[in-house]
Amino acid sequence: MTWLELTKEEASKAGLTLDDEEADYILWEYTGFPSYWDIPRMGAAPEEVCRNQLAQHFKPGEPEQCSQ
């Protein structure tokens, strides 16, 4: 699974469909990708941290910058 696929998967859990450009923007702007992972506070591995940050971004309401 690529990072864009992971972003799209997390978006789909929130009922959203993203194209590659949207997924790329969210990945770079709203997560610590590619290197600002707060391990172990936000997860045990980069994928888990990214999923946590995306889940935070896709929460209902107005999206905010994920904490890093």
PDB file of N, CA and C in Angstrom:
ATOM      1  N   MET A   1       0.845  -1.174   0.000  1.00  0.00           N
ATOM      2  CA  MET A   1       0.000   0.000   0.000  1.00  0.00           C
ATOM      3  C   MET A   1       0.892   1.239   0.000  1.00  0.00           C
ATOM      4  N   THR A   2       0.554   2.175  -0.862  1.00  0.00           N
ATOM      5  CA  THR A   2       1.308   3.428  -0.900  1.00  0.00           C
ATOM      6  C   THR A   2       0.722   4.401   0.127  1.00  0.00           C
ATOM      7  N   TRP A   3       1.450   5.501   0.372  1.00  0.00           N
ATOM      8  CA  TRP A   3       0.971   6.514   1.310  1.00  0.00           C
ATOM      9  C   TRP A   3      -0.300   7.180   0.772  1.00  0.00           C
ATOM     10  N   LEU A   4      -0.405   7.361  -0.539  1.00  0.00           N
ATOM     11  CA  LEU A   4      -1.629   7.937  -1.106  1.00  0.00           C
ATOM     12  C   LEU A   4      -2.809   6.983  -0.922  1.00  0.00           C
ATOM     13  N   GLU A   5      -2.580   5.700  -1.121  1.00  0.00           N
ATOM     14  CA  GLU A   5      -3.643   4.710  -0.906  1.00  0.00           C
ATOM     15  C   GLU A   5      -4.085   4.713   0.556  1.00  0.00           C
ATOM     16  N   LEU A   6      -3.134   4.822   1.466  1.00  0.00           N
ATOM     17  CA  LEU A   6      -3.454   4.877   2.886  1.00  0.00           C
ATOM     18  C   LEU A   6      -4.310   6.114   3.182  1.00  0.00           C
ATOM     19  N   THR A   7      -3.959   7.254   2.603  1.00  0.00           N
ATOM     20  CA  THR A   7      -4.716   8.491   2.804  1.00  0.00           C
ATOM     21  C   THR A   7      -6.135   8.337   2.271  1.00  0.00           C
ATOM     22  N   LYS A   8      -6.268   7.764   1.090  1.00  0.00           N
ATOM     23  CA  LYS A   8      -7.590   7.546   0.505  1.00  0.00           C
ATOM     24  C   LYS A   8      -8.421   6.568   1.344  1.00  0.00           C
ATOM     25  N   GLU A   9      -7.774   5.541   1.873  1.00  0.00           N
ATOM     26  CA  GLU A   9      -8.466   4.565   2.715  1.00  0.00           C
ATOM     27  C   GLU A   9      -9.028   5.234   3.971  1.00  0.00           C
ATOM     28  N   GLU A  10      -8.222   6.064   4.606  1.00  0.00           N
ATOM     29  CA  GLU A  10      -8.683   6.761   5.807  1.00  0.00           C
ATOM     30  C   GLU A  10      -9.794   7.754   5.467  1.00  0.00           C
ATOM     31  N   ALA A  11      -9.704   8.403   4.318  1.00  0.00           N
ATOM     32  CA  ALA A  11     -10.759   9.331   3.889  1.00  0.00           C
ATOM     33  C   ALA A  11     -12.068   8.573   3.657  1.00  0.00           C
ATOM     34  N   SER A  12     -11.964   7.385   3.077  1.00  0.00           N
ATOM     35  CA  SER A  12     -13.179   6.614   2.794  1.00  0.00           C
ATOM     36  C   SER A  12     -13.891   6.214   4.081  1.00  0.00           C
ATOM     37  N   LYS A  13     -13.147   6.019   5.158  1.00  0.00           N
ATOM     38  CA  LYS A  13     -13.759   5.704   6.457  1.00  0.00           C
ATOM     39  C   LYS A  13     -14.610   6.869   6.950  1.00  0.00           C
ATOM     40  N   ALA A  14     -14.283   8.085   6.494  1.00  0.00           N
ATOM     41  CA  ALA A  14     -15.043   9.280   6.861  1.00  0.00           C
ATOM     42  C   ALA A  14     -16.091   9.605   5.796  1.00  0.00           C
ATOM     43  N   GLY A  15     -16.266   8.701   4.821  1.00  0.00           N
ATOM     44  CA  GLY A  15     -17.263   8.901   3.781  1.00  0.00           C
ATOM     45  C   GLY A  15     -16.822   9.822   2.659  1.00  0.00           C
ATOM     46  N   LEU A  16     -15.522  10.009   2.503  1.00  0.00           N
ATOM     47  CA  LEU A  16     -14.988  10.896   1.474  1.00  0.00           C
ATOM     48  C   LEU A  16     -14.276  10.097   0.393  1.00  0.00           C
ATOM     49  N   THR A  17     -14.302  10.615  -0.824  1.00  0.00           N
ATOM     50  CA  THR A  17     -13.557  10.040  -1.937  1.00  0.00           C
ATOM     51  C   THR A  17     -12.579  11.094  -2.413  1.00  0.00           C
ATOM     52  N   LEU A  18     -11.302  10.748  -2.426  1.00  0.00           N
ATOM     53  CA  LEU A  18     -10.260  11.687  -2.832  1.00  0.00           C
ATOM     54  C   LEU A  18      -9.614  11.233  -4.130  1.00  0.00           C
ATOM     55  N   ASP A  19      -9.234  12.202  -4.973  1.00  0.00           N
ATOM     56  CA  ASP A  19      -8.396  11.860  -6.117  1.00  0.00           C
ATOM     57  C   ASP A  19      -6.936  11.935  -5.651  1.00  0.00           C
ATOM     58  N   ASP A  20      -6.005  11.595  -6.524  1.00  0.00           N
ATOM     59  CA  ASP A  20      -4.594  11.568  -6.142  1.00  0.00           C
ATOM     60  C   ASP A  20      -4.093  12.931  -5.675  1.00  0.00           C
ATOM     61  N   GLU A  21      -4.519  13.992  -6.357  1.00  0.00           N
ATOM     62  CA  GLU A  21      -4.055  15.332  -6.001  1.00  0.00           C
ATOM     63  C   GLU A  21      -4.542  15.738  -4.605  1.00  0.00           C
ATOM     64  N   GLU A  22      -5.799  15.447  -4.312  1.00  0.00           N
ATOM     65  CA  GLU A  22      -6.346  15.769  -2.986  1.00  0.00           C
ATOM     66  C   GLU A  22      -5.654  14.952  -1.895  1.00  0.00           C
ATOM     67  N   ALA A  23      -5.449  13.668  -2.165  1.00  0.00           N
ATOM     68  CA  ALA A  23      -4.793  12.807  -1.192  1.00  0.00           C
ATOM     69  C   ALA A  23      -3.357  13.268  -0.937  1.00  0.00           C
ATOM     70  N   ASP A  24      -2.667  13.632  -1.996  1.00  0.00           N
ATOM     71  CA  ASP A  24      -1.295  14.109  -1.869  1.00  0.00           C
ATOM     72  C   ASP A  24      -1.246  15.381  -1.021  1.00  0.00           C
ATOM     73  N   TYR A  25      -2.156  16.315  -1.282  1.00  0.00           N
ATOM     74  CA  TYR A  25      -2.197  17.561  -0.514  1.00  0.00           C
ATOM     75  C   TYR A  25      -2.443  17.281   0.965  1.00  0.00           C
ATOM     76  N   ILE A  26      -3.437  16.452   1.278  1.00  0.00           N
ATOM     77  CA  ILE A  26      -3.754  16.152   2.676  1.00  0.00           C
ATOM     78  C   ILE A  26      -2.593  15.444   3.347  1.00  0.00           C
ATOM     79  N   LEU A  27      -1.992  14.493   2.662  1.00  0.00           N
ATOM     80  CA  LEU A  27      -0.859  13.760   3.222  1.00  0.00           C
ATOM     81  C   LEU A  27       0.273  14.703   3.620  1.00  0.00           C
ATOM     82  N   TRP A  28       0.622  15.631   2.736  1.00  0.00           N
ATOM     83  CA  TRP A  28       1.748  16.537   2.991  1.00  0.00           C
ATOM     84  C   TRP A  28       1.399  17.675   3.945  1.00  0.00           C
ATOM     85  N   GLU A  29       0.163  18.146   3.918  1.00  0.00           N
ATOM     86  CA  GLU A  29      -0.202  19.325   4.706  1.00  0.00           C
ATOM     87  C   GLU A  29      -0.772  19.012   6.086  1.00  0.00           C
ATOM     88  N   TYR A  30      -1.362  17.827   6.272  1.00  0.00           N
ATOM     89  CA  TYR A  30      -2.062  17.545   7.515  1.00  0.00           C
ATOM     90  C   TYR A  30      -1.507  16.369   8.300  1.00  0.00           C
ATOM     91  N   THR A  31      -0.368  15.862   7.867  1.00  0.00           N
ATOM     92  CA  THR A  31       0.315  14.818   8.642  1.00  0.00           C
ATOM     93  C   THR A  31       1.782  15.201   8.752  1.00  0.00           C
ATOM     94  N   GLY A  32       2.516  14.423   9.498  1.00  0.00           N
ATOM     95  CA  GLY A  32       3.946  14.659   9.631  1.00  0.00           C
ATOM     96  C   GLY A  32       4.758  14.044   8.510  1.00  0.00           C
ATOM     97  N   PHE A  33       4.074  13.549   7.475  1.00  0.00           N
ATOM     98  CA  PHE A  33       4.767  12.919   6.351  1.00  0.00           C
ATOM     99  C   PHE A  33       5.767  13.882   5.741  1.00  0.00           C
ATOM    100  N   PRO A  34       6.962  13.463   5.400  1.00  0.00           N
ATOM    101  CA  PRO A  34       7.480  12.104   5.438  1.00  0.00           C
ATOM    102  C   PRO A  34       8.358  11.799   6.649  1.00  0.00           C
ATOM    103  N   SER A  35       8.604  12.773   7.506  1.00  0.00           N
ATOM    104  CA  SER A  35       9.563  12.471   8.575  1.00  0.00           C
ATOM    105  C   SER A  35       9.197  12.990   9.960  1.00  0.00           C
ATOM    106  N   TYR A  36       8.118  13.705  10.104  1.00  0.00           N
ATOM    107  CA  TYR A  36       7.796  14.263  11.422  1.00  0.00           C
ATOM    108  C   TYR A  36       6.793  13.393  12.162  1.00  0.00           C
ATOM    109  N   TRP A  37       7.238  12.226  12.556  1.00  0.00           N
ATOM    110  CA  TRP A  37       6.403  11.275  13.273  1.00  0.00           C
ATOM    111  C   TRP A  37       6.753  11.361  14.748  1.00  0.00           C
ATOM    112  N   ASP A  38       5.745  11.427  15.598  1.00  0.00           N
ATOM    113  CA  ASP A  38       5.969  11.441  17.046  1.00  0.00           C
ATOM    114  C   ASP A  38       5.795  10.022  17.567  1.00  0.00           C
ATOM    115  N   ILE A  39       6.850   9.233  17.395  1.00  0.00           N
ATOM    116  CA  ILE A  39       6.847   7.838  17.831  1.00  0.00           C
ATOM    117  C   ILE A  39       7.544   7.801  19.192  1.00  0.00           C
ATOM    118  N   PRO A  40       7.064   7.239  20.228  1.00  0.00           N
ATOM    119  CA  PRO A  40       5.903   6.351  20.323  1.00  0.00           C
ATOM    120  C   PRO A  40       4.626   7.050  20.777  1.00  0.00           C
ATOM    121  N   ARG A  41       4.625   8.348  20.997  1.00  0.00           N
ATOM    122  CA  ARG A  41       3.434   9.016  21.532  1.00  0.00           C
ATOM    123  C   ARG A  41       2.207   8.833  20.644  1.00  0.00           C
ATOM    124  N   MET A  42       2.367   8.913  19.329  1.00  0.00           N
ATOM    125  CA  MET A  42       1.220   8.822  18.428  1.00  0.00           C
ATOM    126  C   MET A  42       1.090   7.463  17.743  1.00  0.00           C
ATOM    127  N   GLY A  43       1.954   6.537  18.056  1.00  0.00           N
ATOM    128  CA  GLY A  43       1.879   5.213  17.453  1.00  0.00           C
ATOM    129  C   GLY A  43       3.241   4.553  17.444  1.00  0.00           C
ATOM    130  N   ALA A  44       3.236   3.266  17.152  1.00  0.00           N
ATOM    131  CA  ALA A  44       4.457   2.480  17.235  1.00  0.00           C
ATOM    132  C   ALA A  44       5.288   2.490  15.954  1.00  0.00           C
ATOM    133  N   ALA A  45       4.696   2.930  14.850  1.00  0.00           N
ATOM    134  CA  ALA A  45       5.388   2.896  13.550  1.00  0.00           C
ATOM    135  C   ALA A  45       4.855   4.033  12.678  1.00  0.00           C
ATOM    136  N   PRO A  46       5.599   4.424  11.641  1.00  0.00           N
ATOM    137  CA  PRO A  46       5.148   5.517  10.780  1.00  0.00           C
ATOM    138  C   PRO A  46       3.731   5.337  10.236  1.00  0.00           C
ATOM    139  N   GLU A  47       3.369   4.130   9.793  1.00  0.00           N
ATOM    140  CA  GLU A  47       2.022   3.915   9.244  1.00  0.00           C
ATOM    141  C   GLU A  47       0.952   4.183  10.308  1.00  0.00           C
ATOM    142  N   GLU A  48       1.163   3.695  11.512  1.00  0.00           N
ATOM    143  CA  GLU A  48       0.189   3.905  12.587  1.00  0.00           C
ATOM    144  C   GLU A  48       0.065   5.391  12.935  1.00  0.00           C
ATOM    145  N   VAL A  49       1.193   6.095  12.990  1.00  0.00           N
ATOM    146  CA  VAL A  49       1.166   7.529  13.281  1.00  0.00           C
ATOM    147  C   VAL A  49       0.414   8.266  12.177  1.00  0.00           C
ATOM    148  N   CYS A  50       0.696   7.941  10.935  1.00  0.00           N
ATOM    149  CA  CYS A  50       0.027   8.593   9.810  1.00  0.00           C
ATOM    150  C   CYS A  50      -1.476   8.331   9.863  1.00  0.00           C
ATOM    151  N   ARG A  51      -1.867   7.094  10.124  1.00  0.00           N
ATOM    152  CA  ARG A  51      -3.291   6.769  10.237  1.00  0.00           C
ATOM    153  C   ARG A  51      -3.942   7.580  11.361  1.00  0.00           C
ATOM    154  N   ASN A  52      -3.262   7.698  12.499  1.00  0.00           N
ATOM    155  CA  ASN A  52      -3.797   8.477  13.619  1.00  0.00           C
ATOM    156  C   ASN A  52      -3.955   9.945  13.236  1.00  0.00           C
ATOM    157  N   GLN A  53      -2.963  10.492  12.553  1.00  0.00           N
ATOM    158  CA  GLN A  53      -3.032  11.892  12.142  1.00  0.00           C
ATOM    159  C   GLN A  53      -4.143  12.105  11.107  1.00  0.00           C
ATOM    160  N   LEU A  54      -4.291  11.180  10.178  1.00  0.00           N
ATOM    161  CA  LEU A  54      -5.364  11.294   9.182  1.00  0.00           C
ATOM    162  C   LEU A  54      -6.734  11.162   9.843  1.00  0.00           C
ATOM    163  N   ALA A  55      -6.865  10.227  10.778  1.00  0.00           N
ATOM    164  CA  ALA A  55      -8.141  10.073  11.488  1.00  0.00           C
ATOM    165  C   ALA A  55      -8.491  11.363  12.214  1.00  0.00           C
ATOM    166  N   GLN A  56      -7.501  12.005  12.809  1.00  0.00           N
ATOM    167  CA  GLN A  56      -7.718  13.281  13.485  1.00  0.00           C
ATOM    168  C   GLN A  56      -8.168  14.333  12.472  1.00  0.00           C
ATOM    169  N   HIS A  57      -7.545  14.352  11.314  1.00  0.00           N
ATOM    170  CA  HIS A  57      -7.896  15.325  10.274  1.00  0.00           C
ATOM    171  C   HIS A  57      -9.320  15.108   9.764  1.00  0.00           C
ATOM    172  N   PHE A  58      -9.722  13.854   9.607  1.00  0.00           N
ATOM    173  CA  PHE A  58     -11.018  13.543   9.011  1.00  0.00           C
ATOM    174  C   PHE A  58     -12.157  13.490  10.032  1.00  0.00           C
ATOM    175  N   LYS A  59     -11.899  13.853  11.284  1.00  0.00           N
ATOM    176  CA  LYS A  59     -12.983  13.901  12.268  1.00  0.00           C
ATOM    177  C   LYS A  59     -14.046  14.885  11.791  1.00  0.00           C
ATOM    178  N   PRO A  60     -15.309  14.627  12.148  1.00  0.00           N
ATOM    179  CA  PRO A  60     -16.350  15.588  11.776  1.00  0.00           C
ATOM    180  C   PRO A  60     -16.044  16.966  12.343  1.00  0.00           C
ATOM    181  N   GLY A  61     -16.464  17.971  11.623  1.00  0.00           N
ATOM    182  CA  GLY A  61     -16.171  19.338  12.015  1.00  0.00           C
ATOM    183  C   GLY A  61     -15.122  19.918  11.100  1.00  0.00           C
ATOM    184  N   GLU A  62     -14.633  21.075  11.445  1.00  0.00           N
ATOM    185  CA  GLU A  62     -13.637  21.746  10.610  1.00  0.00           C
ATOM    186  C   GLU A  62     -12.260  21.130  10.836  1.00  0.00           C
ATOM    187  N   PRO A  63     -11.594  20.655   9.755  1.00  0.00           N
ATOM    188  CA  PRO A  63     -10.267  20.043   9.914  1.00  0.00           C
ATOM    189  C   PRO A  63      -9.249  21.054  10.418  1.00  0.00           C
ATOM    190  N   GLU A  64      -8.377  20.580  11.255  1.00  0.00           N
ATOM    191  CA  GLU A  64      -7.273  21.405  11.758  1.00  0.00           C
ATOM    192  C   GLU A  64      -5.973  20.700  11.453  1.00  0.00           C
ATOM    193  N   GLN A  65      -4.884  21.448  11.534  1.00  0.00           N
ATOM    194  CA  GLN A  65      -3.554  20.875  11.350  1.00  0.00           C
ATOM    195  C   GLN A  65      -3.333  19.821  12.426  1.00  0.00           C
ATOM    196  N   CYS A  66      -2.907  18.630  12.017  1.00  0.00           N
ATOM    197  CA  CYS A  66      -2.634  17.578  12.987  1.00  0.00           C
ATOM    198  C   CYS A  66      -1.395  17.934  13.793  1.00  0.00           C
ATOM    199  N   SER A  67      -1.448  17.634  15.059  1.00  0.00           N
ATOM    200  CA  SER A  67      -0.276  17.909  15.906  1.00  0.00           C
ATOM    201  C   SER A  67       0.825  16.939  15.548  1.00  0.00           C
ATOM    202  N   GLN A  68       2.036  17.448  15.612  1.00  0.00           N
ATOM    203  CA  GLN A  68       3.194  16.613  15.243  1.00  0.00           C
ATOM    204  C   GLN A  68       4.046  16.342  16.438  1.00  0.00           C
TER     205      GLN A  68
END
